[in-house]
Amino acid sequence: MRLGVIDVGSNTVHLLVVDAHPGASPVPFHSQRSVLRLMRYLDADGAIAEEGVVRIVEAIRECAEIAREIGVDDLISTATSAIREAANGEDVLARVTRETGIVLHVLSGEDEARITMLAVRRWLGWSAGEVLLFDIGGGSFEIAQGADEYPDVQVSLPLGAGRSTINFLAEDPPSREAVSRLRAHARAEFTRVRDELFANRPRPKRVVGTSKTIRSLARLVGGPSDPVTGDLAQLHYVGLREWEPSLREMPGAVREYLPGITPERGYQIMAGAVVLRTAMKVFEVETLTISPWALREGIVLRYIDALDGRGAEPVRSEA
């Protein structure tokens, strides 16, 4: 069957269409994204301004029309931290449904972590053992750990690359003092959750990073993927530390020309680098394995499991 997933994140509205059936790996058929950067449209009360809402509606309408043209058998639509945490989030959801016919299902941060862990586990296989997962979105930073398809412990923190940029690194390029404030804040948050939630977990056999921000940093620091296997380059703490001063000195418009950094990530990749390196430091991680599968693939896998009688009834997107 042909399945479509519309994912409304803090940075983009992404449509992924795959051919999928139980027992097989989902095969990508079509992918496209509209850049939003919703953090720029939050007002002083934490509500998404009218311009941002209009862009969300237009992007979802376009994705829905393309999905119908392609002829998907089913369409799943989800939203994450930007709409989840917006003061007018419920109004935005209602307007999307009213103007596009699409029902957005809002995932909690814990849902994001759990579904992403499923995707990572299926990608790596059971031999990966105990996995510690880092996932940086635009609005939130998820951490999860476990030895199964779903984590034993997970947490979502408001330390996404876009949110951290708006809250701490608004000046472009940022000052040393601003970077230090972000690092100190992130260190305090990561140390707290490490001690409260992860202290009793066994040492992970594999530490995995996923999401566009981490994949971009891995491409920048570690180089291109293996030309034979296609495996993504690992991301080493030492390399990230060495790149950070150069990233700090560049404005966002220059960063987007670096290897692996796309225009929609250039303005926030510095914050992503600071937050990720801080997490690696607090959790004593020297190397990240990079998974190309993340939340969207996890949503597809859960849907396939439901078809095969192994999961919950999948959600539908159209009202």
C-alpha atoms as a PDB file:
ATOM      1  CA  MET A   1       0.000   0.000   0.000  1.00  0.00           C
ATOM      2  CA  ARG A   2       1.014   3.618  -0.454  1.00  0.00           C
ATOM      3  CA  LEU A   3       1.067   5.580   2.794  1.00  0.00           C
ATOM      4  CA  GLY A   4       1.494   9.322   3.277  1.00  0.00           C
ATOM      5  CA  VAL A   5       2.738  11.080   6.419  1.00  0.00           C
ATOM      6  CA  ILE A   6       2.427  14.839   6.949  1.00  0.00           C
ATOM      7  CA  ASP A   7       4.692  15.949   9.790  1.00  0.00           C
ATOM      8  CA  VAL A   8       4.263  19.508  11.080  1.00  0.00           C
ATOM      9  CA  GLY A   9       7.416  20.365  12.981  1.00  0.00           C
ATOM     10  CA  SER A  10       8.943  23.556  14.279  1.00  0.00           C
ATOM     11  CA  ASN A  11      10.976  24.094  11.117  1.00  0.00           C
ATOM     12  CA  THR A  12       9.102  22.402   8.318  1.00  0.00           C
ATOM     13  CA  VAL A  13       5.923  20.784   7.114  1.00  0.00           C
ATOM     14  CA  HIS A  14       7.177  17.550   5.576  1.00  0.00           C
ATOM     15  CA  LEU A  15       5.256  15.137   3.376  1.00  0.00           C
ATOM     16  CA  LEU A  16       6.699  11.632   3.132  1.00  0.00           C
ATOM     17  CA  VAL A  17       5.044   9.049   0.879  1.00  0.00           C
ATOM     18  CA  VAL A  18       6.195   5.444   1.096  1.00  0.00           C
ATOM     19  CA  ASP A  19       5.209   2.069  -0.294  1.00  0.00           C
ATOM     20  CA  ALA A  20       4.802  -0.243   2.682  1.00  0.00           C
ATOM     21  CA  HIS A  21       3.424  -3.574   3.730  1.00  0.00           C
ATOM     22  CA  PRO A  22       3.944  -5.909   6.708  1.00  0.00           C
ATOM     23  CA  GLY A  23       7.275  -7.690   6.759  1.00  0.00           C
ATOM     24  CA  ALA A  24       9.076  -5.277   4.448  1.00  0.00           C
ATOM     25  CA  SER A  25      11.060  -2.089   4.811  1.00  0.00           C
ATOM     26  CA  PRO A  26       9.088   1.012   3.752  1.00  0.00           C
ATOM     27  CA  VAL A  27      10.314   2.282   0.386  1.00  0.00           C
ATOM     28  CA  PRO A  28      10.293   6.083  -0.128  1.00  0.00           C
ATOM     29  CA  PHE A  29       8.190   7.192  -3.089  1.00  0.00           C
ATOM     30  CA  HIS A  30       7.966  10.970  -2.639  1.00  0.00           C
ATOM     31  CA  SER A  31       9.294  13.529  -0.167  1.00  0.00           C
ATOM     32  CA  GLN A  32       8.925  17.278   0.032  1.00  0.00           C
ATOM     33  CA  ARG A  33       9.092  19.965   2.688  1.00  0.00           C
ATOM     34  CA  SER A  34       7.967  23.530   3.194  1.00  0.00           C
ATOM     35  CA  VAL A  35      10.187  25.648   5.442  1.00  0.00           C
ATOM     36  CA  LEU A  36       8.259  27.342   8.281  1.00  0.00           C
ATOM     37  CA  ARG A  37      10.605  28.217  11.175  1.00  0.00           C
ATOM     38  CA  LEU A  38       7.563  28.609  13.401  1.00  0.00           C
ATOM     39  CA  MET A  39       9.610  29.874  16.349  1.00  0.00           C
ATOM     40  CA  ARG A  40       9.913  33.181  14.500  1.00  0.00           C
ATOM     41  CA  TYR A  41       6.127  33.608  14.582  1.00  0.00           C
ATOM     42  CA  LEU A  42       5.585  33.230  18.328  1.00  0.00           C
ATOM     43  CA  ASP A  43       4.316  36.400  19.995  1.00  0.00           C
ATOM     44  CA  ALA A  44       5.019  37.567  23.542  1.00  0.00           C
ATOM     45  CA  ASP A  45       2.255  35.313  24.889  1.00  0.00           C
ATOM     46  CA  GLY A  46       3.602  32.208  23.160  1.00  0.00           C
ATOM     47  CA  ALA A  47       0.885  32.145  20.480  1.00  0.00           C
ATOM     48  CA  ILE A  48       1.583  31.572  16.798  1.00  0.00           C
ATOM     49  CA  ALA A  49       0.956  34.831  14.942  1.00  0.00           C
ATOM     50  CA  GLU A  50      -1.486  35.039  12.023  1.00  0.00           C
ATOM     51  CA  GLU A  51       1.295  34.938   9.410  1.00  0.00           C
ATOM     52  CA  GLY A  52       2.609  31.701  10.888  1.00  0.00           C
ATOM     53  CA  VAL A  53      -0.857  30.127  11.009  1.00  0.00           C
ATOM     54  CA  VAL A  54      -1.454  31.035   7.368  1.00  0.00           C
ATOM     55  CA  ARG A  55       1.826  29.405   6.373  1.00  0.00           C
ATOM     56  CA  ILE A  56       0.927  26.233   8.289  1.00  0.00           C
ATOM     57  CA  VAL A  57      -2.475  26.017   6.605  1.00  0.00           C
ATOM     58  CA  GLU A  58      -1.051  26.671   3.124  1.00  0.00           C
ATOM     59  CA  ALA A  59       1.723  24.080   3.553  1.00  0.00           C
ATOM     60  CA  ILE A  60      -0.667  21.396   4.833  1.00  0.00           C
ATOM     61  CA  ARG A  61      -3.157  22.113   2.050  1.00  0.00           C
ATOM     62  CA  GLU A  62      -0.377  21.693  -0.527  1.00  0.00           C
ATOM     63  CA  CYS A  63       0.788  18.429   1.049  1.00  0.00           C
ATOM     64  CA  ALA A  64      -2.761  17.063   1.156  1.00  0.00           C
ATOM     65  CA  GLU A  65      -3.367  17.935  -2.488  1.00  0.00           C
ATOM     66  CA  ILE A  66      -0.133  16.252  -3.576  1.00  0.00           C
ATOM     67  CA  ALA A  67      -0.965  13.162  -1.516  1.00  0.00           C
ATOM     68  CA  ARG A  68      -4.351  12.941  -3.245  1.00  0.00           C
ATOM     69  CA  GLU A  69      -2.738  13.381  -6.684  1.00  0.00           C
ATOM     70  CA  ILE A  70      -0.277  10.596  -5.911  1.00  0.00           C
ATOM     71  CA  GLY A  71      -3.153   8.439  -4.736  1.00  0.00           C
ATOM     72  CA  VAL A  72      -2.124   7.413  -1.246  1.00  0.00           C
ATOM     73  CA  ASP A  73      -4.178   4.688   0.376  1.00  0.00           C
ATOM     74  CA  ASP A  74      -4.054   6.411   3.743  1.00  0.00           C
ATOM     75  CA  LEU A  75      -2.715   9.667   5.156  1.00  0.00           C
ATOM     76  CA  ILE A  76      -1.454  10.288   8.668  1.00  0.00           C
ATOM     77  CA  SER A  77      -0.812  13.835   9.889  1.00  0.00           C
ATOM     78  CA  THR A  78       1.007  14.753  13.085  1.00  0.00           C
ATOM     79  CA  ALA A  79       2.222  17.874  14.846  1.00  0.00           C
ATOM     80  CA  THR A  80       4.984  18.214  17.419  1.00  0.00           C
ATOM     81  CA  SER A  81       6.327  20.813  19.841  1.00  0.00           C
ATOM     82  CA  ALA A  82       5.645  24.088  17.990  1.00  0.00           C
ATOM     83  CA  ILE A  83       1.872  23.565  17.902  1.00  0.00           C
ATOM     84  CA  ARG A  84       1.802  21.419  21.050  1.00  0.00           C
ATOM     85  CA  GLU A  85       3.236  24.226  23.170  1.00  0.00           C
ATOM     86  CA  ALA A  86       1.700  27.245  21.418  1.00  0.00           C
ATOM     87  CA  ALA A  87      -0.771  29.236  23.497  1.00  0.00           C
ATOM     88  CA  ASN A  88      -3.261  29.091  20.602  1.00  0.00           C
ATOM     89  CA  GLY A  89      -2.445  25.521  19.600  1.00  0.00           C
ATOM     90  CA  GLU A  90      -6.037  24.274  19.854  1.00  0.00           C
ATOM     91  CA  ASP A  91      -7.275  27.131  17.675  1.00  0.00           C
ATOM     92  CA  VAL A  92      -4.589  26.385  15.092  1.00  0.00           C
ATOM     93  CA  LEU A  93      -5.572  22.711  14.992  1.00  0.00           C
ATOM     94  CA  ALA A  94      -9.249  23.600  14.516  1.00  0.00           C
ATOM     95  CA  ARG A  95      -8.437  26.046  11.740  1.00  0.00           C
ATOM     96  CA  VAL A  96      -6.268  23.495   9.918  1.00  0.00           C
ATOM     97  CA  THR A  97      -9.142  21.009   9.958  1.00  0.00           C
ATOM     98  CA  ARG A  98     -11.686  23.623   8.927  1.00  0.00           C
ATOM     99  CA  GLU A  99      -9.649  24.948   5.988  1.00  0.00           C
ATOM    100  CA  THR A 100      -7.914  21.792   4.743  1.00  0.00           C
ATOM    101  CA  GLY A 101      -9.984  18.856   5.987  1.00  0.00           C
ATOM    102  CA  ILE A 102      -6.868  17.440   7.658  1.00  0.00           C
ATOM    103  CA  VAL A 103      -6.942  16.443  11.320  1.00  0.00           C
ATOM    104  CA  LEU A 104      -3.544  16.928  12.951  1.00  0.00           C
ATOM    105  CA  HIS A 105      -2.766  14.499  15.742  1.00  0.00           C
ATOM    106  CA  VAL A 106      -0.524  16.178  18.306  1.00  0.00           C
ATOM    107  CA  LEU A 107       2.281  14.005  19.649  1.00  0.00           C
ATOM    108  CA  SER A 108       3.651  14.552  23.133  1.00  0.00           C
ATOM    109  CA  GLY A 109       7.397  14.810  23.603  1.00  0.00           C
ATOM    110  CA  GLU A 110       7.374  11.349  25.138  1.00  0.00           C
ATOM    111  CA  ASP A 111       5.465  10.022  22.105  1.00  0.00           C
ATOM    112  CA  GLU A 112       8.131  11.500  19.845  1.00  0.00           C
ATOM    113  CA  ALA A 113      10.882   9.788  21.810  1.00  0.00           C
ATOM    114  CA  ARG A 114       9.100   6.434  21.841  1.00  0.00           C
ATOM    115  CA  ILE A 115       8.224   6.425  18.154  1.00  0.00           C
ATOM    116  CA  THR A 116      11.699   7.576  17.148  1.00  0.00           C
ATOM    117  CA  MET A 117      13.254   4.822  19.268  1.00  0.00           C
ATOM    118  CA  LEU A 118      11.130   2.279  17.386  1.00  0.00           C
ATOM    119  CA  ALA A 119      12.495   3.574  14.068  1.00  0.00           C
ATOM    120  CA  VAL A 120      16.081   3.538  15.327  1.00  0.00           C
ATOM    121  CA  ARG A 121      15.748   0.006  16.709  1.00  0.00           C
ATOM    122  CA  ARG A 122      14.338  -1.314  13.450  1.00  0.00           C
ATOM    123  CA  TRP A 123      17.127   0.396  11.527  1.00  0.00           C
ATOM    124  CA  LEU A 124      19.950  -0.872  13.749  1.00  0.00           C
ATOM    125  CA  GLY A 125      18.534  -4.277  14.698  1.00  0.00           C
ATOM    126  CA  TRP A 126      18.564  -6.135  17.992  1.00  0.00           C
ATOM    127  CA  SER A 127      22.346  -6.528  17.991  1.00  0.00           C
ATOM    128  CA  ALA A 128      22.624  -2.838  18.929  1.00  0.00           C
ATOM    129  CA  GLY A 129      21.646  -3.803  22.483  1.00  0.00           C
ATOM    130  CA  GLU A 130      21.075  -1.025  25.001  1.00  0.00           C
ATOM    131  CA  VAL A 131      20.601   2.197  23.010  1.00  0.00           C
ATOM    132  CA  LEU A 132      20.799   5.777  24.217  1.00  0.00           C
ATOM    133  CA  LEU A 133      19.061   8.096  21.764  1.00  0.00           C
ATOM    134  CA  PHE A 134      19.472  11.846  21.184  1.00  0.00           C
ATOM    135  CA  ASP A 135      16.948  13.554  18.891  1.00  0.00           C
ATOM    136  CA  ILE A 136      17.045  17.310  18.280  1.00  0.00           C
ATOM    137  CA  GLY A 137      14.025  18.972  16.728  1.00  0.00           C
ATOM    138  CA  GLY A 138      13.337  22.640  16.204  1.00  0.00           C
ATOM    139  CA  GLY A 139      11.478  23.032  19.492  1.00  0.00           C
ATOM    140  CA  SER A 140      12.485  20.095  21.663  1.00  0.00           C
ATOM    141  CA  PHE A 141      15.330  17.712  22.462  1.00  0.00           C
ATOM    142  CA  GLU A 142      14.304  14.110  23.159  1.00  0.00           C
ATOM    143  CA  ILE A 143      16.437  11.610  25.049  1.00  0.00           C
ATOM    144  CA  ALA A 144      15.465   7.957  25.370  1.00  0.00           C
ATOM    145  CA  GLN A 145      17.142   4.736  26.429  1.00  0.00           C
ATOM    146  CA  GLY A 146      16.351   1.044  26.419  1.00  0.00           C
ATOM    147  CA  ALA A 147      17.097  -2.376  24.976  1.00  0.00           C
ATOM    148  CA  ASP A 148      13.720  -2.927  23.299  1.00  0.00           C
ATOM    149  CA  GLU A 149      11.745  -1.351  20.463  1.00  0.00           C
ATOM    150  CA  TYR A 150      10.260   1.169  22.868  1.00  0.00           C
ATOM    151  CA  PRO A 151      12.419   2.870  25.510  1.00  0.00           C
ATOM    152  CA  ASP A 152      12.360   2.160  29.214  1.00  0.00           C
ATOM    153  CA  VAL A 153      12.882   5.843  29.963  1.00  0.00           C
ATOM    154  CA  GLN A 154      12.374   8.951  27.850  1.00  0.00           C
ATOM    155  CA  VAL A 155      12.222  12.689  28.315  1.00  0.00           C
ATOM    156  CA  SER A 156      11.525  15.740  26.164  1.00  0.00           C
ATOM    157  CA  LEU A 157      13.216  19.061  26.930  1.00  0.00           C
ATOM    158  CA  PRO A 158      12.524  22.522  25.400  1.00  0.00           C
ATOM    159  CA  LEU A 159      16.052  22.639  23.986  1.00  0.00           C
ATOM    160  CA  GLY A 160      15.413  22.285  20.277  1.00  0.00           C
ATOM    161  CA  ALA A 161      17.776  24.045  17.892  1.00  0.00           C
ATOM    162  CA  GLY A 162      15.243  26.680  16.822  1.00  0.00           C
ATOM    163  CA  ARG A 163      13.922  27.373  20.323  1.00  0.00           C
ATOM    164  CA  SER A 164      17.479  27.602  21.722  1.00  0.00           C
ATOM    165  CA  THR A 165      18.418  30.039  18.956  1.00  0.00           C
ATOM    166  CA  ILE A 166      15.450  32.320  19.653  1.00  0.00           C
ATOM    167  CA  ASN A 167      15.879  32.181  23.434  1.00  0.00           C
ATOM    168  CA  PHE A 168      19.673  32.451  23.672  1.00  0.00           C
ATOM    169  CA  LEU A 169      21.400  33.144  20.339  1.00  0.00           C
ATOM    170  CA  ALA A 170      19.168  35.742  18.677  1.00  0.00           C
ATOM    171  CA  GLU A 171      22.194  37.858  17.737  1.00  0.00           C
ATOM    172  CA  ASP A 172      23.745  36.686  14.453  1.00  0.00           C
ATOM    173  CA  PRO A 173      26.500  35.664  14.871  1.00  0.00           C
ATOM    174  CA  PRO A 174      26.108  35.143  18.624  1.00  0.00           C
ATOM    175  CA  SER A 175      28.468  36.490  21.250  1.00  0.00           C
ATOM    176  CA  ARG A 176      30.670  34.252  23.379  1.00  0.00           C
ATOM    177  CA  GLU A 177      28.622  35.256  26.412  1.00  0.00           C
ATOM    178  CA  ALA A 178      25.361  34.183  24.762  1.00  0.00           C
ATOM    179  CA  VAL A 179      26.828  30.820  23.809  1.00  0.00           C
ATOM    180  CA  SER A 180      28.076  30.379  27.379  1.00  0.00           C
ATOM    181  CA  ARG A 181      24.602  31.121  28.760  1.00  0.00           C
ATOM    182  CA  LEU A 182      23.021  28.538  26.458  1.00  0.00           C
ATOM    183  CA  ARG A 183      25.660  25.971  27.372  1.00  0.00           C
ATOM    184  CA  ALA A 184      25.184  26.556  31.101  1.00  0.00           C
ATOM    185  CA  HIS A 185      21.401  26.272  30.798  1.00  0.00           C
ATOM    186  CA  ALA A 186      21.622  23.094  28.712  1.00  0.00           C
ATOM    187  CA  ARG A 187      24.175  21.565  31.088  1.00  0.00           C
ATOM    188  CA  ALA A 188      21.890  22.152  34.059  1.00  0.00           C
ATOM    189  CA  GLU A 189      18.906  20.581  32.269  1.00  0.00           C
ATOM    190  CA  PHE A 190      20.811  17.563  30.989  1.00  0.00           C
ATOM    191  CA  THR A 191      22.472  16.971  34.354  1.00  0.00           C
ATOM    192  CA  ARG A 192      19.114  17.088  36.106  1.00  0.00           C
ATOM    193  CA  VAL A 193      17.442  14.527  33.832  1.00  0.00           C
ATOM    194  CA  ARG A 194      20.550  12.323  33.814  1.00  0.00           C
ATOM    195  CA  ASP A 195      20.535  12.134  37.599  1.00  0.00           C
ATOM    196  CA  GLU A 196      16.748  11.834  37.962  1.00  0.00           C
ATOM    197  CA  LEU A 197      15.877   9.487  35.101  1.00  0.00           C
ATOM    198  CA  PHE A 198      18.944   7.810  33.626  1.00  0.00           C
ATOM    199  CA  ALA A 199      21.209   7.212  36.623  1.00  0.00           C
ATOM    200  CA  ASN A 200      20.095   3.583  37.073  1.00  0.00           C
ATOM    201  CA  ARG A 201      20.251   2.592  33.413  1.00  0.00           C
ATOM    202  CA  PRO A 202      23.073   0.313  32.231  1.00  0.00           C
ATOM    203  CA  ARG A 203      25.802   1.878  30.130  1.00  0.00           C
ATOM    204  CA  PRO A 204      24.538   1.927  26.517  1.00  0.00           C
ATOM    205  CA  LYS A 205      26.158  -0.297  23.926  1.00  0.00           C
ATOM    206  CA  ARG A 206      25.335   2.251  21.249  1.00  0.00           C
ATOM    207  CA  VAL A 207      24.570   5.976  21.425  1.00  0.00           C
ATOM    208  CA  VAL A 208      22.515   7.104  18.453  1.00  0.00           C
ATOM    209  CA  GLY A 209      21.673  10.520  17.081  1.00  0.00           C
ATOM    210  CA  THR A 210      18.871  11.292  14.670  1.00  0.00           C
ATOM    211  CA  SER A 211      16.968  14.246  13.194  1.00  0.00           C
ATOM    212  CA  LYS A 212      18.005  16.676  10.492  1.00  0.00           C
ATOM    213  CA  THR A 213      20.076  18.853  12.843  1.00  0.00           C
ATOM    214  CA  ILE A 214      22.216  15.937  14.045  1.00  0.00           C
ATOM    215  CA  ARG A 215      22.535  14.472  10.562  1.00  0.00           C
ATOM    216  CA  SER A 216      23.679  17.882   9.298  1.00  0.00           C
ATOM    217  CA  LEU A 217      26.288  18.169  12.035  1.00  0.00           C
ATOM    218  CA  ALA A 218      27.496  14.632  11.345  1.00  0.00           C
ATOM    219  CA  ARG A 219      27.902  15.457   7.644  1.00  0.00           C
ATOM    220  CA  LEU A 220      29.802  18.631   8.529  1.00  0.00           C
ATOM    221  CA  VAL A 221      32.077  17.051  11.140  1.00  0.00           C
ATOM    222  CA  GLY A 222      32.391  13.477   9.909  1.00  0.00           C
ATOM    223  CA  GLY A 223      32.136  13.866   6.152  1.00  0.00           C
ATOM    224  CA  PRO A 224      29.894  12.232   3.537  1.00  0.00           C
ATOM    225  CA  SER A 225      28.278   8.838   3.798  1.00  0.00           C
ATOM    226  CA  ASP A 226      30.169   5.677   2.860  1.00  0.00           C
ATOM    227  CA  PRO A 227      30.120   5.428  -0.961  1.00  0.00           C
ATOM    228  CA  VAL A 228      29.713   1.645  -0.858  1.00  0.00           C
ATOM    229  CA  THR A 229      27.360   0.967   2.068  1.00  0.00           C
ATOM    230  CA  GLY A 230      25.622   4.335   2.240  1.00  0.00           C
ATOM    231  CA  ASP A 231      26.144   4.393   6.028  1.00  0.00           C
ATOM    232  CA  LEU A 232      26.189   7.899   7.492  1.00  0.00           C
ATOM    233  CA  ALA A 233      29.426   9.116   9.041  1.00  0.00           C
ATOM    234  CA  GLN A 234      29.657   8.978  12.814  1.00  0.00           C
ATOM    235  CA  LEU A 235      29.773  12.193  14.818  1.00  0.00           C
ATOM    236  CA  HIS A 236      32.674  12.462  17.263  1.00  0.00           C
ATOM    237  CA  TYR A 237      32.642  14.772  20.265  1.00  0.00           C
ATOM    238  CA  VAL A 238      36.184  15.984  19.532  1.00  0.00           C
ATOM    239  CA  GLY A 239      35.273  16.971  15.984  1.00  0.00           C
ATOM    240  CA  LEU A 240      32.164  18.816  17.123  1.00  0.00           C
ATOM    241  CA  ARG A 241      34.183  20.706  19.721  1.00  0.00           C
ATOM    242  CA  GLU A 242      36.723  21.726  17.072  1.00  0.00           C
ATOM    243  CA  TRP A 243      34.032  23.008  14.702  1.00  0.00           C
ATOM    244  CA  GLU A 244      32.090  24.998  17.287  1.00  0.00           C
ATOM    245  CA  PRO A 245      34.302  28.161  17.355  1.00  0.00           C
ATOM    246  CA  SER A 246      34.129  28.455  13.557  1.00  0.00           C
ATOM    247  CA  LEU A 247      30.343  28.093  13.585  1.00  0.00           C
ATOM    248  CA  ARG A 248      30.065  30.777  16.270  1.00  0.00           C
ATOM    249  CA  GLU A 249      32.002  33.297  14.182  1.00  0.00           C
ATOM    250  CA  MET A 250      29.872  32.762  11.045  1.00  0.00           C
ATOM    251  CA  PRO A 251      26.500  34.412  10.442  1.00  0.00           C
ATOM    252  CA  GLY A 252      23.677  32.052   9.582  1.00  0.00           C
ATOM    253  CA  ALA A 253      23.720  33.126   5.915  1.00  0.00           C
ATOM    254  CA  VAL A 254      27.282  31.799   5.640  1.00  0.00           C
ATOM    255  CA  ARG A 255      26.761  28.581   7.624  1.00  0.00           C
ATOM    256  CA  GLU A 256      24.172  27.378   5.128  1.00  0.00           C
ATOM    257  CA  TYR A 257      26.925  26.963   2.535  1.00  0.00           C
ATOM    258  CA  LEU A 258      28.851  24.508   4.697  1.00  0.00           C
ATOM    259  CA  PRO A 259      28.770  20.799   3.780  1.00  0.00           C
ATOM    260  CA  GLY A 260      25.556  19.202   4.998  1.00  0.00           C
ATOM    261  CA  ILE A 261      23.946  22.458   6.202  1.00  0.00           C
ATOM    262  CA  THR A 262      20.767  23.415   4.350  1.00  0.00           C
ATOM    263  CA  PRO A 263      19.417  26.997   4.160  1.00  0.00           C
ATOM    264  CA  GLU A 264      16.643  26.291   6.679  1.00  0.00           C
ATOM    265  CA  ARG A 265      19.239  25.019   9.202  1.00  0.00           C
ATOM    266  CA  GLY A 266      21.976  27.609   8.800  1.00  0.00           C
ATOM    267  CA  TYR A 267      20.511  30.067  11.284  1.00  0.00           C
ATOM    268  CA  GLN A 268      20.025  27.457  14.038  1.00  0.00           C
ATOM    269  CA  ILE A 269      22.849  24.968  13.528  1.00  0.00           C
ATOM    270  CA  MET A 270      25.065  26.813  16.024  1.00  0.00           C
ATOM    271  CA  ALA A 271      22.544  26.308  18.819  1.00  0.00           C
ATOM    272  CA  GLY A 272      22.112  22.701  17.753  1.00  0.00           C
ATOM    273  CA  ALA A 273      25.863  22.160  17.976  1.00  0.00           C
ATOM    274  CA  VAL A 274      26.099  23.720  21.442  1.00  0.00           C
ATOM    275  CA  VAL A 275      23.168  21.756  22.831  1.00  0.00           C
ATOM    276  CA  LEU A 276      24.281  18.458  21.293  1.00  0.00           C
ATOM    277  CA  ARG A 277      27.872  18.790  22.473  1.00  0.00           C
ATOM    278  CA  THR A 278      26.635  19.633  25.964  1.00  0.00           C
ATOM    279  CA  ALA A 279      24.439  16.534  26.001  1.00  0.00           C
ATOM    280  CA  MET A 280      27.349  14.391  24.844  1.00  0.00           C
ATOM    281  CA  LYS A 281      29.525  15.878  27.585  1.00  0.00           C
ATOM    282  CA  VAL A 282      26.982  15.327  30.368  1.00  0.00           C
ATOM    283  CA  PHE A 283      26.213  11.753  29.260  1.00  0.00           C
ATOM    284  CA  GLU A 284      29.925  11.013  28.612  1.00  0.00           C
ATOM    285  CA  VAL A 285      29.432  10.209  24.935  1.00  0.00           C
ATOM    286  CA  GLU A 286      32.466  10.242  22.649  1.00  0.00           C
ATOM    287  CA  THR A 287      30.803   9.046  19.424  1.00  0.00           C
ATOM    288  CA  LEU A 288      27.292   9.118  17.977  1.00  0.00           C
ATOM    289  CA  THR A 289      26.065   6.565  15.465  1.00  0.00           C
ATOM    290  CA  ILE A 290      23.715   8.375  13.063  1.00  0.00           C
ATOM    291  CA  SER A 291      20.378   6.838  12.130  1.00  0.00           C
ATOM    292  CA  PRO A 292      18.677   8.028   8.934  1.00  0.00           C
ATOM    293  CA  TRP A 293      15.345   6.835  10.314  1.00  0.00           C
ATOM    294  CA  ALA A 294      13.523   9.015  12.822  1.00  0.00           C
ATOM    295  CA  LEU A 295       9.985  10.095  13.746  1.00  0.00           C
ATOM    296  CA  ARG A 296       8.312   9.879  10.331  1.00  0.00           C
ATOM    297  CA  GLU A 297       9.685   6.410   9.689  1.00  0.00           C
ATOM    298  CA  GLY A 298       8.568   5.381  13.166  1.00  0.00           C
ATOM    299  CA  ILE A 299       5.019   6.542  12.380  1.00  0.00           C
ATOM    300  CA  VAL A 300       5.063   4.424   9.219  1.00  0.00           C
ATOM    301  CA  LEU A 301       6.356   1.392  11.110  1.00  0.00           C
ATOM    302  CA  ARG A 302       3.641   1.703  13.757  1.00  0.00           C
ATOM    303  CA  TYR A 303       1.034   1.852  11.005  1.00  0.00           C
ATOM    304  CA  ILE A 304       2.438  -1.281   9.356  1.00  0.00           C
ATOM    305  CA  ASP A 305       2.474  -3.063  12.715  1.00  0.00           C
ATOM    306  CA  ALA A 306      -1.205  -2.209  13.155  1.00  0.00           C
ATOM    307  CA  LEU A 307      -1.984  -3.705   9.743  1.00  0.00           C
ATOM    308  CA  ASP A 308      -0.174  -6.844  10.825  1.00  0.00           C
ATOM    309  CA  GLY A 309      -2.113  -7.005  14.096  1.00  0.00           C
ATOM    310  CA  ARG A 310       0.895  -6.071  16.233  1.00  0.00           C
ATOM    311  CA  GLY A 311       0.004  -2.484  17.142  1.00  0.00           C
ATOM    312  CA  ALA A 312      -2.802  -0.071  17.955  1.00  0.00           C
ATOM    313  CA  GLU A 313      -5.353   0.985  15.356  1.00  0.00           C
ATOM    314  CA  PRO A 314      -3.670   3.673  13.203  1.00  0.00           C
ATOM    315  CA  VAL A 315      -5.004   7.213  13.278  1.00  0.00           C
ATOM    316  CA  ARG A 316      -6.592   8.851  10.252  1.00  0.00           C
ATOM    317  CA  SER A 317      -5.896  12.371   9.025  1.00  0.00           C
ATOM    318  CA  GLU A 318      -8.997  13.505   7.204  1.00  0.00           C
ATOM    319  CA  ALA A 319     -12.005  14.822   9.059  1.00  0.00           C
END
